[in-house]
Amino acid sequence: MGIVSVIPFFNWLSWVFAWLDTGKRRYVVYSLVYLFPYLRYQTFTFFFLLLVYDW
């Protein structure tokens, strides 16, 4: 169940990879839309995961 709860965290990252692959700016907007809830509601958790996994 822990893996399933982490999957939405990576959804924004897939849009970043799509942007890097195609170069279309709309994918950056999509990634920001998916990333916004993490920045707004779970800022501490987001940065904690970044520090733990050394991204």
PDB file of N, CA and C in Angstrom:
ATOM      1  N   MET A   1       0.823  -1.198   0.000  1.00  0.00           N
ATOM      2  CA  MET A   1       0.000   0.000   0.000  1.00  0.00           C
ATOM      3  C   MET A   1       0.864   1.259   0.000  1.00  0.00           C
ATOM      4  N   GLY A   2       2.045   1.173   0.574  1.00  0.00           N
ATOM      5  CA  GLY A   2       2.931   2.329   0.593  1.00  0.00           C
ATOM      6  C   GLY A   2       3.379   2.741  -0.790  1.00  0.00           C
ATOM      7  N   ILE A   3       3.585   1.754  -1.658  1.00  0.00           N
ATOM      8  CA  ILE A   3       4.000   2.068  -3.028  1.00  0.00           C
ATOM      9  C   ILE A   3       2.885   2.781  -3.770  1.00  0.00           C
ATOM     10  N   VAL A   4       1.658   2.344  -3.577  1.00  0.00           N
ATOM     11  CA  VAL A   4       0.519   2.960  -4.260  1.00  0.00           C
ATOM     12  C   VAL A   4       0.353   4.408  -3.826  1.00  0.00           C
ATOM     13  N   SER A   5       0.623   4.707  -2.573  1.00  0.00           N
ATOM     14  CA  SER A   5       0.453   6.079  -2.098  1.00  0.00           C
ATOM     15  C   SER A   5       1.550   7.006  -2.604  1.00  0.00           C
ATOM     16  N   VAL A   6       2.650   6.466  -3.103  1.00  0.00           N
ATOM     17  CA  VAL A   6       3.747   7.288  -3.602  1.00  0.00           C
ATOM     18  C   VAL A   6       3.621   7.540  -5.099  1.00  0.00           C
ATOM     19  N   ILE A   7       2.863   6.723  -5.803  1.00  0.00           N
ATOM     20  CA  ILE A   7       2.752   6.846  -7.264  1.00  0.00           C
ATOM     21  C   ILE A   7       2.303   8.237  -7.707  1.00  0.00           C
ATOM     22  N   PRO A   8       1.289   8.865  -7.104  1.00  0.00           N
ATOM     23  CA  PRO A   8       0.909  10.211  -7.568  1.00  0.00           C
ATOM     24  C   PRO A   8       2.019  11.244  -7.409  1.00  0.00           C
ATOM     25  N   PHE A   9       2.952  11.003  -6.510  1.00  0.00           N
ATOM     26  CA  PHE A   9       4.065  11.931  -6.321  1.00  0.00           C
ATOM     27  C   PHE A   9       4.904  12.051  -7.589  1.00  0.00           C
ATOM     28  N   PHE A  10       4.981  10.981  -8.370  1.00  0.00           N
ATOM     29  CA  PHE A  10       5.812  10.973  -9.571  1.00  0.00           C
ATOM     30  C   PHE A  10       5.057  11.392 -10.820  1.00  0.00           C
ATOM     31  N   ASN A  11       3.770  11.677 -10.720  1.00  0.00           N
ATOM     32  CA  ASN A  11       2.983  12.040 -11.892  1.00  0.00           C
ATOM     33  C   ASN A  11       3.515  13.311 -12.535  1.00  0.00           C
ATOM     34  N   TRP A  12       3.885  14.294 -11.746  1.00  0.00           N
ATOM     35  CA  TRP A  12       4.414  15.544 -12.305  1.00  0.00           C
ATOM     36  C   TRP A  12       5.742  15.306 -13.000  1.00  0.00           C
ATOM     37  N   LEU A  13       6.499  14.338 -12.516  1.00  0.00           N
ATOM     38  CA  LEU A  13       7.802  14.064 -13.102  1.00  0.00           C
ATOM     39  C   LEU A  13       7.675  13.471 -14.501  1.00  0.00           C
ATOM     40  N   SER A  14       6.614  12.723 -14.747  1.00  0.00           N
ATOM     41  CA  SER A  14       6.409  12.174 -16.089  1.00  0.00           C
ATOM     42  C   SER A  14       6.180  13.289 -17.101  1.00  0.00           C
ATOM     43  N   TRP A  15       5.521  14.374 -16.685  1.00  0.00           N
ATOM     44  CA  TRP A  15       5.328  15.511 -17.590  1.00  0.00           C
ATOM     45  C   TRP A  15       6.639  16.238 -17.852  1.00  0.00           C
ATOM     46  N   VAL A  16       7.517  16.272 -16.860  1.00  0.00           N
ATOM     47  CA  VAL A  16       8.834  16.880 -17.073  1.00  0.00           C
ATOM     48  C   VAL A  16       9.613  16.077 -18.107  1.00  0.00           C
ATOM     49  N   PHE A  17       9.553  14.756 -18.001  1.00  0.00           N
ATOM     50  CA  PHE A  17      10.236  13.919 -18.987  1.00  0.00           C
ATOM     51  C   PHE A  17       9.623  14.083 -20.372  1.00  0.00           C
ATOM     52  N   ALA A  18       8.299  14.247 -20.439  1.00  0.00           N
ATOM     53  CA  ALA A  18       7.654  14.486 -21.737  1.00  0.00           C
ATOM     54  C   ALA A  18       8.127  15.809 -22.326  1.00  0.00           C
ATOM     55  N   TRP A  19       8.288  16.820 -21.471  1.00  0.00           N
ATOM     56  CA  TRP A  19       8.791  18.115 -21.949  1.00  0.00           C
ATOM     57  C   TRP A  19      10.225  17.993 -22.456  1.00  0.00           C
ATOM     58  N   LEU A  20      11.060  17.269 -21.722  1.00  0.00           N
ATOM     59  CA  LEU A  20      12.441  17.088 -22.154  1.00  0.00           C
ATOM     60  C   LEU A  20      12.518  16.316 -23.468  1.00  0.00           C
ATOM     61  N   ASP A  21      11.581  15.402 -23.656  1.00  0.00           N
ATOM     62  CA  ASP A  21      11.587  14.586 -24.865  1.00  0.00           C
ATOM     63  C   ASP A  21      11.095  15.362 -26.083  1.00  0.00           C
ATOM     64  N   THR A  22      10.032  16.159 -25.913  1.00  0.00           N
ATOM     65  CA  THR A  22       9.416  16.836 -27.055  1.00  0.00           C
ATOM     66  C   THR A  22       9.815  18.296 -27.181  1.00  0.00           C
ATOM     67  N   GLY A  23      10.130  18.949 -26.059  1.00  0.00           N
ATOM     68  CA  GLY A  23      10.460  20.372 -26.090  1.00  0.00           C
ATOM     69  C   GLY A  23       9.241  21.273 -26.106  1.00  0.00           C
ATOM     70  N   LYS A  24       8.046  20.703 -25.932  1.00  0.00           N
ATOM     71  CA  LYS A  24       6.821  21.512 -25.925  1.00  0.00           C
ATOM     72  C   LYS A  24       6.596  22.094 -24.536  1.00  0.00           C
ATOM     73  N   ARG A  25       6.347  23.390 -24.506  1.00  0.00           N
ATOM     74  CA  ARG A  25       6.239  24.111 -23.244  1.00  0.00           C
ATOM     75  C   ARG A  25       4.983  23.739 -22.455  1.00  0.00           C
ATOM     76  N   ARG A  26       3.963  23.223 -23.112  1.00  0.00           N
ATOM     77  CA  ARG A  26       2.731  22.895 -22.391  1.00  0.00           C
ATOM     78  C   ARG A  26       2.947  21.789 -21.363  1.00  0.00           C
ATOM     79  N   TYR A  27       3.933  20.924 -21.596  1.00  0.00           N
ATOM     80  CA  TYR A  27       4.203  19.865 -20.630  1.00  0.00           C
ATOM     81  C   TYR A  27       4.775  20.423 -19.329  1.00  0.00           C
ATOM     82  N   VAL A  28       5.469  21.533 -19.403  1.00  0.00           N
ATOM     83  CA  VAL A  28       5.949  22.192 -18.182  1.00  0.00           C
ATOM     84  C   VAL A  28       4.760  22.699 -17.379  1.00  0.00           C
ATOM     85  N   VAL A  29       3.770  23.246 -18.071  1.00  0.00           N
ATOM     86  CA  VAL A  29       2.560  23.727 -17.396  1.00  0.00           C
ATOM     87  C   VAL A  29       1.834  22.564 -16.741  1.00  0.00           C
ATOM     88  N   TYR A  30       1.727  21.443 -17.442  1.00  0.00           N
ATOM     89  CA  TYR A  30       1.077  20.264 -16.861  1.00  0.00           C
ATOM     90  C   TYR A  30       1.804  19.804 -15.601  1.00  0.00           C
ATOM     91  N   SER A  31       3.122  19.792 -15.648  1.00  0.00           N
ATOM     92  CA  SER A  31       3.872  19.343 -14.477  1.00  0.00           C
ATOM     93  C   SER A  31       3.682  20.288 -13.299  1.00  0.00           C
ATOM     94  N   LEU A  32       3.614  21.587 -13.567  1.00  0.00           N
ATOM     95  CA  LEU A  32       3.378  22.545 -12.482  1.00  0.00           C
ATOM     96  C   LEU A  32       1.990  22.388 -11.883  1.00  0.00           C
ATOM     97  N   VAL A  33       1.008  22.068 -12.723  1.00  0.00           N
ATOM     98  CA  VAL A  33      -0.354  21.851 -12.220  1.00  0.00           C
ATOM     99  C   VAL A  33      -0.386  20.645 -11.288  1.00  0.00           C
ATOM    100  N   TYR A  34       0.308  19.581 -11.653  1.00  0.00           N
ATOM    101  CA  TYR A  34       0.343  18.400 -10.792  1.00  0.00           C
ATOM    102  C   TYR A  34       1.219  18.607  -9.562  1.00  0.00           C
ATOM    103  N   LEU A  35       2.229  19.446  -9.662  1.00  0.00           N
ATOM    104  CA  LEU A  35       3.134  19.684  -8.545  1.00  0.00           C
ATOM    105  C   LEU A  35       2.568  20.683  -7.540  1.00  0.00           C
ATOM    106  N   PHE A  36       1.669  21.552  -7.966  1.00  0.00           N
ATOM    107  CA  PHE A  36       1.144  22.614  -7.112  1.00  0.00           C
ATOM    108  C   PHE A  36       0.544  22.112  -5.798  1.00  0.00           C
ATOM    109  N   PRO A  37      -0.290  21.054  -5.797  1.00  0.00           N
ATOM    110  CA  PRO A  37      -0.827  20.603  -4.499  1.00  0.00           C
ATOM    111  C   PRO A  37       0.258  20.187  -3.508  1.00  0.00           C
ATOM    112  N   TYR A  38       1.339  19.610  -3.999  1.00  0.00           N
ATOM    113  CA  TYR A  38       2.419  19.225  -3.088  1.00  0.00           C
ATOM    114  C   TYR A  38       3.104  20.446  -2.509  1.00  0.00           C
ATOM    115  N   LEU A  39       3.255  21.462  -3.314  1.00  0.00           N
ATOM    116  CA  LEU A  39       3.899  22.673  -2.818  1.00  0.00           C
ATOM    117  C   LEU A  39       3.000  23.438  -1.866  1.00  0.00           C
ATOM    118  N   ARG A  40       1.711  23.350  -2.079  1.00  0.00           N
ATOM    119  CA  ARG A  40       0.787  24.124  -1.260  1.00  0.00           C
ATOM    120  C   ARG A  40       0.427  23.422   0.042  1.00  0.00           C
ATOM    121  N   TYR A  41       0.102  22.141  -0.026  1.00  0.00           N
ATOM    122  CA  TYR A  41      -0.432  21.442   1.140  1.00  0.00           C
ATOM    123  C   TYR A  41       0.580  20.546   1.845  1.00  0.00           C
ATOM    124  N   GLN A  42       1.566  20.078   1.122  1.00  0.00           N
ATOM    125  CA  GLN A  42       2.490  19.124   1.724  1.00  0.00           C
ATOM    126  C   GLN A  42       3.936  19.540   1.488  1.00  0.00           C
ATOM    127  N   THR A  43       4.233  20.783   1.724  1.00  0.00           N
ATOM    128  CA  THR A  43       5.571  21.295   1.458  1.00  0.00           C
ATOM    129  C   THR A  43       6.621  20.556   2.280  1.00  0.00           C
ATOM    130  N   PHE A  44       6.331  20.343   3.528  1.00  0.00           N
ATOM    131  CA  PHE A  44       7.301  19.657   4.376  1.00  0.00           C
ATOM    132  C   PHE A  44       7.550  18.241   3.882  1.00  0.00           C
ATOM    133  N   THR A  45       6.497  17.517   3.555  1.00  0.00           N
ATOM    134  CA  THR A  45       6.636  16.142   3.078  1.00  0.00           C
ATOM    135  C   THR A  45       7.402  16.104   1.769  1.00  0.00           C
ATOM    136  N   PHE A  46       7.107  17.044   0.891  1.00  0.00           N
ATOM    137  CA  PHE A  46       7.779  17.098  -0.405  1.00  0.00           C
ATOM    138  C   PHE A  46       9.287  17.272  -0.236  1.00  0.00           C
ATOM    139  N   PHE A  47       9.687  18.243   0.548  1.00  0.00           N
ATOM    140  CA  PHE A  47      11.113  18.486   0.742  1.00  0.00           C
ATOM    141  C   PHE A  47      11.774  17.380   1.557  1.00  0.00           C
ATOM    142  N   PHE A  48      11.019  16.768   2.450  1.00  0.00           N
ATOM    143  CA  PHE A  48      11.550  15.633   3.198  1.00  0.00           C
ATOM    144  C   PHE A  48      11.876  14.479   2.257  1.00  0.00           C
ATOM    145  N   LEU A  49      10.985  14.202   1.311  1.00  0.00           N
ATOM    146  CA  LEU A  49      11.246  13.132   0.348  1.00  0.00           C
ATOM    147  C   LEU A  49      12.442  13.462  -0.534  1.00  0.00           C
ATOM    148  N   LEU A  50      12.587  14.724  -0.884  1.00  0.00           N
ATOM    149  CA  LEU A  50      13.748  15.109  -1.686  1.00  0.00           C
ATOM    150  C   LEU A  50      15.050  14.880  -0.928  1.00  0.00           C
ATOM    151  N   LEU A  51      15.049  15.196   0.347  1.00  0.00           N
ATOM    152  CA  LEU A  51      16.257  15.017   1.145  1.00  0.00           C
ATOM    153  C   LEU A  51      16.554  13.548   1.416  1.00  0.00           C
ATOM    154  N   VAL A  52      15.502  12.774   1.644  1.00  0.00           N
ATOM    155  CA  VAL A  52      15.699  11.364   1.968  1.00  0.00           C
ATOM    156  C   VAL A  52      16.256  10.602   0.777  1.00  0.00           C
ATOM    157  N   TYR A  53      15.726  10.875  -0.402  1.00  0.00           N
ATOM    158  CA  TYR A  53      16.134  10.115  -1.579  1.00  0.00           C
ATOM    159  C   TYR A  53      17.253  10.779  -2.366  1.00  0.00           C
ATOM    160  N   ASP A  54      17.768  11.907  -1.899  1.00  0.00           N
ATOM    161  CA  ASP A  54      18.894  12.612  -2.528  1.00  0.00           C
ATOM    162  C   ASP A  54      18.692  12.836  -4.020  1.00  0.00           C
ATOM    163  N   TRP A  55      17.585  13.454  -4.364  1.00  0.00           N
ATOM    164  CA  TRP A  55      17.332  13.744  -5.781  1.00  0.00           C
ATOM    165  C   TRP A  55      18.104  14.955  -6.120  1.00  0.00           C
TER     166      TRP A  55
END
